[in-house]
Amino acid sequence: MSLALIRSHLQTAGDHLGDMVWWTLEDARIGRARLEEVWTAAGLSPALLPEPPTPEKALRAAVREAAVGQQGHLIRLGKDDEHELVFAVVEEQRDGAGNVNHRQEARIALRKQVAASLGSDAPDHDLVRAVRERYERLLTTHTPDDVRRALVKTLAACAAVTLREHGGVYWVPAPFAETLRRLQIAVAGIGASRLDVVPIHASPEASQALGAAARSALENDLAVLTAEIDAFLHEPPDRAATLTRRLATFDELRAKADLYHSVLQVQVSDLDARLDELTRHVEGLLQAKAS
């Protein structure tokens, strides 16, 4: 079904309920400086950007990329502590009798407390060179996964509801239409990527389908929070800040529920009462820590 045909079915004379959204990331590897430029030009908050690349993250991504398609060699994590991240390049040999032998050929080490300090005991090894080449590029570059996470983070800030079990297609309520279109502009500046936005207007079918999705999203969020607080009651977290953040999360869920109700007349049975109960539990834990 073409995009034009989808729009013809979803656009009516009714009130604007929001937008259906999905995206395609193509040639989406982008430098940090360029991503910040695109993001700022679109008028989006810098708080929605992915975290800047780090040496540790760059090395992990470089190892994953260099390991793809290798025959007879593996790259395995050897050490990961507060001082050093080490990967081993291992030769794998198989004989006709079903035996497998491994022999380490190189060590790739990143000293975490020394900026971008990557070393190896076999710097001329083909796989070591491949890892280093990717590492140096990824120190200042975001991967498509980083971009995808930024999109999901931005949609979450827009109270988006996923319309598929595993994500990929979302409904964004009408009050966030301007932010969504700013995001569409930003995505268009990332390689050949695109964010498709299809307005949805009020109809019995649209309100019913979106209402069910919104209600399910609220119930899932509430179930996750309830399970988490139950765990805290059995074993309180070490840091009071963890509990304080949950109080803010409760307020965010209330605001989201109010928004869905205002747009779709969606209500979750006893949501306020259940959040009030969770709030009392958290406040009790905070008082216990303070005493």
Protein backbone atom coordinates (compact mmCIF):
# COMPACT_ATOMS: atom_id res chain seq x y z
CA MET A 1 0.00 0.00 0.00
CA SER A 2 1.42 3.37 -1.01
CA LEU A 3 1.95 6.23 1.44
CA ALA A 4 -0.57 8.33 -0.49
CA LEU A 5 -3.21 5.61 -0.13
CA ILE A 6 -2.54 5.30 3.61
CA ARG A 7 -2.99 9.05 3.96
CA SER A 8 -6.25 8.92 1.99
CA HIS A 9 -7.65 6.42 4.50
CA LEU A 10 -6.42 8.24 7.61
CA GLN A 11 -7.02 11.89 6.76
CA THR A 12 -10.61 12.96 7.35
CA ALA A 13 -12.36 16.12 8.42
CA GLY A 14 -12.27 15.12 12.10
CA ASP A 15 -10.03 16.61 14.79
CA HIS A 16 -6.32 15.91 14.53
CA LEU A 17 -5.60 13.10 17.02
CA GLY A 18 -1.90 12.91 16.26
CA ASP A 19 0.42 11.25 13.78
CA MET A 20 1.45 7.75 12.84
CA VAL A 21 5.25 7.59 12.53
CA TRP A 22 7.90 5.20 11.25
CA TRP A 23 11.38 5.66 9.87
CA THR A 24 14.03 4.28 7.56
CA LEU A 25 17.70 4.79 8.47
CA GLU A 26 19.98 4.68 5.44
CA ASP A 27 23.61 5.80 5.36
CA ALA A 28 22.95 6.87 8.96
CA ARG A 29 26.52 6.78 10.29
CA ILE A 30 27.18 10.40 11.22
CA GLY A 31 29.88 12.42 12.95
CA ARG A 32 29.08 13.93 16.33
CA ALA A 33 29.66 17.49 15.16
CA ARG A 34 27.43 17.00 12.13
CA LEU A 35 24.66 15.39 14.21
CA GLU A 36 24.70 18.31 16.64
CA GLU A 37 24.50 20.72 13.69
CA VAL A 38 21.53 18.88 12.15
CA TRP A 39 19.78 18.60 15.51
CA THR A 40 20.22 22.28 16.38
CA ALA A 41 19.15 23.44 12.93
CA ALA A 42 15.91 21.50 13.33
CA GLY A 43 15.23 23.22 16.66
CA LEU A 44 15.40 20.06 18.79
CA SER A 45 16.62 19.97 22.39
CA PRO A 46 20.28 18.90 22.81
CA ALA A 47 19.09 16.79 25.76
CA LEU A 48 17.55 14.38 23.23
CA LEU A 49 20.86 13.69 21.49
CA PRO A 50 22.63 10.38 22.14
CA GLU A 51 25.55 10.40 24.55
CA PRO A 52 28.78 11.49 22.83
CA PRO A 53 31.08 8.67 21.65
CA THR A 54 33.64 7.46 24.19
CA PRO A 55 36.84 5.41 23.72
CA GLU A 56 35.30 2.39 25.47
CA LYS A 57 32.14 2.52 23.39
CA ALA A 58 34.17 3.07 20.21
CA LEU A 59 36.33 0.00 20.91
CA ARG A 60 33.36 -2.25 21.60
CA ALA A 61 31.67 -1.14 18.38
CA ALA A 62 34.93 -1.50 16.41
CA VAL A 63 35.36 -5.06 17.66
CA ARG A 64 31.80 -5.98 16.68
CA GLU A 65 32.26 -4.58 13.20
CA ALA A 66 35.70 -6.13 12.62
CA ALA A 67 34.51 -9.56 13.77
CA VAL A 68 31.73 -9.79 11.19
CA GLY A 69 32.47 -12.31 8.43
CA GLN A 70 35.73 -13.56 9.91
CA GLN A 71 36.69 -17.14 9.08
CA GLY A 72 39.08 -18.90 11.43
CA HIS A 73 39.44 -15.98 13.85
CA LEU A 74 37.50 -14.77 16.87
CA ILE A 75 37.71 -11.58 18.94
CA ARG A 76 36.92 -12.30 22.56
CA LEU A 77 36.64 -10.12 25.65
CA GLY A 78 39.62 -10.80 27.88
CA LYS A 79 39.31 -8.19 30.62
CA ASP A 80 37.00 -5.37 31.64
CA ASP A 81 37.64 -3.52 34.89
CA GLU A 82 37.94 0.09 36.00
CA HIS A 83 41.44 0.39 34.55
CA GLU A 84 41.50 -1.57 31.31
CA LEU A 85 39.37 -3.05 28.54
CA VAL A 86 41.10 -5.92 26.71
CA PHE A 87 40.11 -8.04 23.73
CA ALA A 88 41.99 -11.10 22.45
CA VAL A 89 42.33 -12.02 18.78
CA VAL A 90 42.14 -15.81 18.69
CA GLU A 91 42.85 -18.24 15.87
CA GLU A 92 40.36 -21.12 15.74
CA GLN A 93 41.39 -24.41 14.14
CA ARG A 94 39.10 -27.37 13.51
CA ASP A 95 40.19 -30.83 12.45
CA GLY A 96 38.21 -33.54 10.71
CA ALA A 97 37.68 -35.43 13.97
CA GLY A 98 35.55 -32.72 15.52
CA ASN A 99 38.25 -31.14 17.66
CA VAL A 100 38.57 -27.35 18.01
CA ASN A 101 41.77 -25.64 19.07
CA HIS A 102 42.31 -21.99 19.92
CA ARG A 103 45.48 -19.95 19.93
CA GLN A 104 45.73 -16.31 20.94
CA GLU A 105 47.51 -14.21 18.31
CA ALA A 106 47.07 -10.67 19.58
CA ARG A 107 45.95 -8.56 22.49
CA ILE A 108 44.09 -5.25 22.03
CA ALA A 109 44.01 -3.10 25.16
CA LEU A 110 42.42 0.23 26.04
CA ARG A 111 43.62 1.97 29.18
CA LYS A 112 40.46 3.66 30.42
CA GLN A 113 42.18 6.37 32.43
CA VAL A 114 44.38 7.44 29.51
CA ALA A 115 42.35 9.22 26.81
CA ALA A 116 42.00 7.11 23.66
CA SER A 117 45.06 5.01 24.60
CA LEU A 118 44.70 1.90 22.44
CA GLY A 119 47.60 -0.54 22.25
CA SER A 120 48.39 -4.03 21.04
CA ASP A 121 51.19 -6.56 21.32
CA ALA A 122 50.74 -7.32 17.58
CA PRO A 123 49.98 -3.97 15.92
CA ASP A 124 50.55 -5.33 12.38
CA HIS A 125 48.03 -8.17 12.70
CA ASP A 126 45.29 -7.76 10.06
CA LEU A 127 42.46 -7.93 12.60
CA VAL A 128 44.21 -5.56 14.98
CA ARG A 129 44.61 -3.04 12.15
CA ALA A 130 40.94 -3.49 11.23
CA VAL A 131 39.85 -2.84 14.82
CA ARG A 132 42.10 0.21 15.15
CA GLU A 133 40.86 1.71 11.88
CA ARG A 134 37.25 1.42 12.98
CA TYR A 135 38.06 2.56 16.52
CA GLU A 136 39.66 5.79 15.33
CA ARG A 137 36.65 6.55 13.14
CA LEU A 138 34.08 5.68 15.83
CA LEU A 139 35.74 7.98 18.38
CA THR A 140 33.92 10.87 16.72
CA THR A 141 31.13 9.05 14.89
CA HIS A 142 27.67 7.81 15.83
CA THR A 143 26.40 4.49 14.50
CA PRO A 144 22.87 3.93 13.12
CA ASP A 145 22.01 2.32 16.47
CA ASP A 146 22.91 5.59 18.21
CA VAL A 147 20.62 7.48 15.83
CA ARG A 148 17.82 4.97 16.40
CA ARG A 149 18.14 5.39 20.17
CA ALA A 150 17.94 9.18 19.77
CA LEU A 151 14.73 8.79 17.76
CA VAL A 152 13.18 6.50 20.36
CA LYS A 153 14.24 8.87 23.15
CA THR A 154 12.66 11.83 21.34
CA LEU A 155 9.44 9.92 20.69
CA ALA A 156 9.29 8.91 24.36
CA ALA A 157 9.56 12.60 25.27
CA CYS A 158 6.55 13.11 22.99
CA ALA A 159 4.48 10.49 24.89
CA ALA A 160 4.50 8.26 21.80
CA VAL A 161 2.68 4.93 21.85
CA THR A 162 4.13 1.97 19.98
CA LEU A 163 1.62 0.45 17.57
CA ARG A 164 3.61 -2.77 17.03
CA GLU A 165 4.78 -5.24 19.65
CA HIS A 166 8.45 -4.73 18.83
CA GLY A 167 8.26 -1.02 18.02
CA GLY A 168 9.00 0.61 14.69
CA VAL A 169 5.58 2.23 14.21
CA TYR A 170 4.34 4.83 16.70
CA TRP A 171 1.45 7.16 17.35
CA VAL A 172 2.43 10.64 18.60
CA PRO A 173 -0.37 12.70 20.21
CA ALA A 174 -1.36 15.92 18.47
CA PRO A 175 0.12 18.30 21.11
CA PHE A 176 3.60 17.15 20.01
CA ALA A 177 3.02 17.67 16.28
CA GLU A 178 5.54 20.52 16.05
CA THR A 179 8.31 18.57 17.80
CA LEU A 180 7.62 15.58 15.57
CA ARG A 181 8.00 17.64 12.43
CA ARG A 182 11.25 19.09 13.74
CA LEU A 183 12.43 15.52 14.22
CA GLN A 184 11.39 14.76 10.65
CA ILE A 185 13.60 17.60 9.42
CA ALA A 186 16.54 16.36 11.49
CA VAL A 187 16.25 12.77 10.24
CA ALA A 188 16.20 14.02 6.65
CA GLY A 189 19.65 15.53 7.31
CA ILE A 190 21.16 12.17 8.31
CA GLY A 191 22.40 10.41 5.17
CA ALA A 192 19.49 9.17 3.06
CA SER A 193 17.27 8.56 6.10
CA ARG A 194 13.65 9.58 6.39
CA LEU A 195 10.90 9.83 8.99
CA ASP A 196 7.43 9.28 7.57
CA VAL A 197 4.57 11.11 9.29
CA VAL A 198 0.92 10.39 8.52
CA PRO A 199 -1.69 12.57 10.28
CA ILE A 200 -4.56 10.69 11.93
CA HIS A 201 -7.90 12.43 12.32
CA ALA A 202 -10.84 11.57 14.53
CA SER A 203 -13.07 8.71 13.46
CA PRO A 204 -14.67 5.90 15.50
CA GLU A 205 -12.15 3.38 14.14
CA ALA A 206 -9.11 5.59 14.75
CA SER A 207 -10.20 6.52 18.28
CA GLN A 208 -10.89 2.89 19.15
CA ALA A 209 -7.58 1.57 17.81
CA LEU A 210 -5.43 4.34 19.27
CA GLY A 211 -7.33 4.25 22.55
CA ALA A 212 -6.63 0.53 22.94
CA ALA A 213 -2.93 1.05 22.18
CA ALA A 214 -2.65 3.99 24.60
CA ARG A 215 -4.46 2.11 27.37
CA SER A 216 -2.19 -0.90 26.91
CA ALA A 217 0.91 1.32 27.05
CA LEU A 218 -0.23 2.90 30.34
CA GLU A 219 -1.06 -0.47 31.86
CA ASN A 220 2.35 -1.87 30.84
CA ASP A 221 4.17 1.13 32.34
CA LEU A 222 2.19 0.78 35.56
CA ALA A 223 2.89 -2.96 35.76
CA VAL A 224 6.64 -2.38 35.35
CA LEU A 225 6.65 0.29 38.08
CA THR A 226 4.60 -1.90 40.42
CA ALA A 227 7.00 -4.84 40.01
CA GLU A 228 9.97 -2.56 40.57
CA ILE A 229 8.57 -1.03 43.77
CA ASP A 230 7.62 -4.50 45.06
CA ALA A 231 11.27 -5.48 44.60
CA PHE A 232 12.39 -2.32 46.43
CA LEU A 233 10.12 -3.23 49.39
CA HIS A 234 11.93 -6.56 49.73
CA GLU A 235 15.38 -5.12 49.10
CA PRO A 236 15.58 -1.29 49.23
CA PRO A 237 18.09 0.31 46.82
CA ASP A 238 21.31 1.67 48.29
CA ARG A 239 20.82 5.20 46.95
CA ALA A 240 17.97 7.50 47.94
CA ALA A 241 18.26 9.14 44.50
CA THR A 242 16.94 5.93 42.94
CA LEU A 243 13.74 6.28 44.96
CA THR A 244 13.46 10.00 44.27
CA ARG A 245 13.65 9.34 40.53
CA ARG A 246 10.72 6.94 40.84
CA LEU A 247 8.57 9.71 42.32
CA ALA A 248 9.34 11.79 39.21
CA THR A 249 8.45 8.78 37.04
CA PHE A 250 5.06 8.53 38.76
CA ASP A 251 4.38 12.19 37.94
CA GLU A 252 5.39 11.59 34.31
CA LEU A 253 2.99 8.65 34.05
CA ARG A 254 0.15 10.74 35.50
CA ALA A 255 0.86 13.49 32.95
CA LYS A 256 0.89 10.95 30.12
CA ALA A 257 -2.42 9.48 31.30
CA ASP A 258 -3.96 12.98 31.42
CA LEU A 259 -2.72 13.66 27.88
CA TYR A 260 -4.17 10.43 26.48
CA HIS A 261 -7.45 11.17 28.23
CA SER A 262 -7.64 14.68 26.78
CA VAL A 263 -6.96 13.44 23.23
CA LEU A 264 -8.67 10.03 23.19
CA GLN A 265 -10.78 9.95 26.39
CA VAL A 266 -8.65 7.00 27.49
CA GLN A 267 -8.82 6.00 31.13
CA VAL A 268 -7.04 3.24 33.04
CA SER A 269 -9.04 1.87 35.92
CA ASP A 270 -7.66 2.89 39.33
CA LEU A 271 -4.47 4.36 37.83
CA ASP A 272 -4.40 7.32 40.22
CA ALA A 273 -5.12 5.11 43.21
CA ARG A 274 -2.40 2.65 42.26
CA LEU A 275 0.11 5.45 41.71
CA ASP A 276 -0.86 6.97 45.07
CA GLU A 277 -0.16 3.61 46.72
CA LEU A 278 3.24 3.31 45.00
CA THR A 279 4.06 6.87 46.05
CA ARG A 280 3.30 6.02 49.69
CA HIS A 281 5.59 3.00 49.50
CA VAL A 282 8.46 5.05 48.05
CA GLU A 283 7.98 7.89 50.54
CA GLY A 284 8.05 5.32 53.35
CA LEU A 285 11.33 3.90 52.07
CA LEU A 286 12.80 7.41 51.84
CA GLN A 287 11.76 8.17 55.42
CA ALA A 288 13.34 4.92 56.59
CA LYS A 289 16.61 5.89 54.92
CA ALA A 290 16.53 9.35 56.46
CA SER A 291 15.96 8.03 59.98
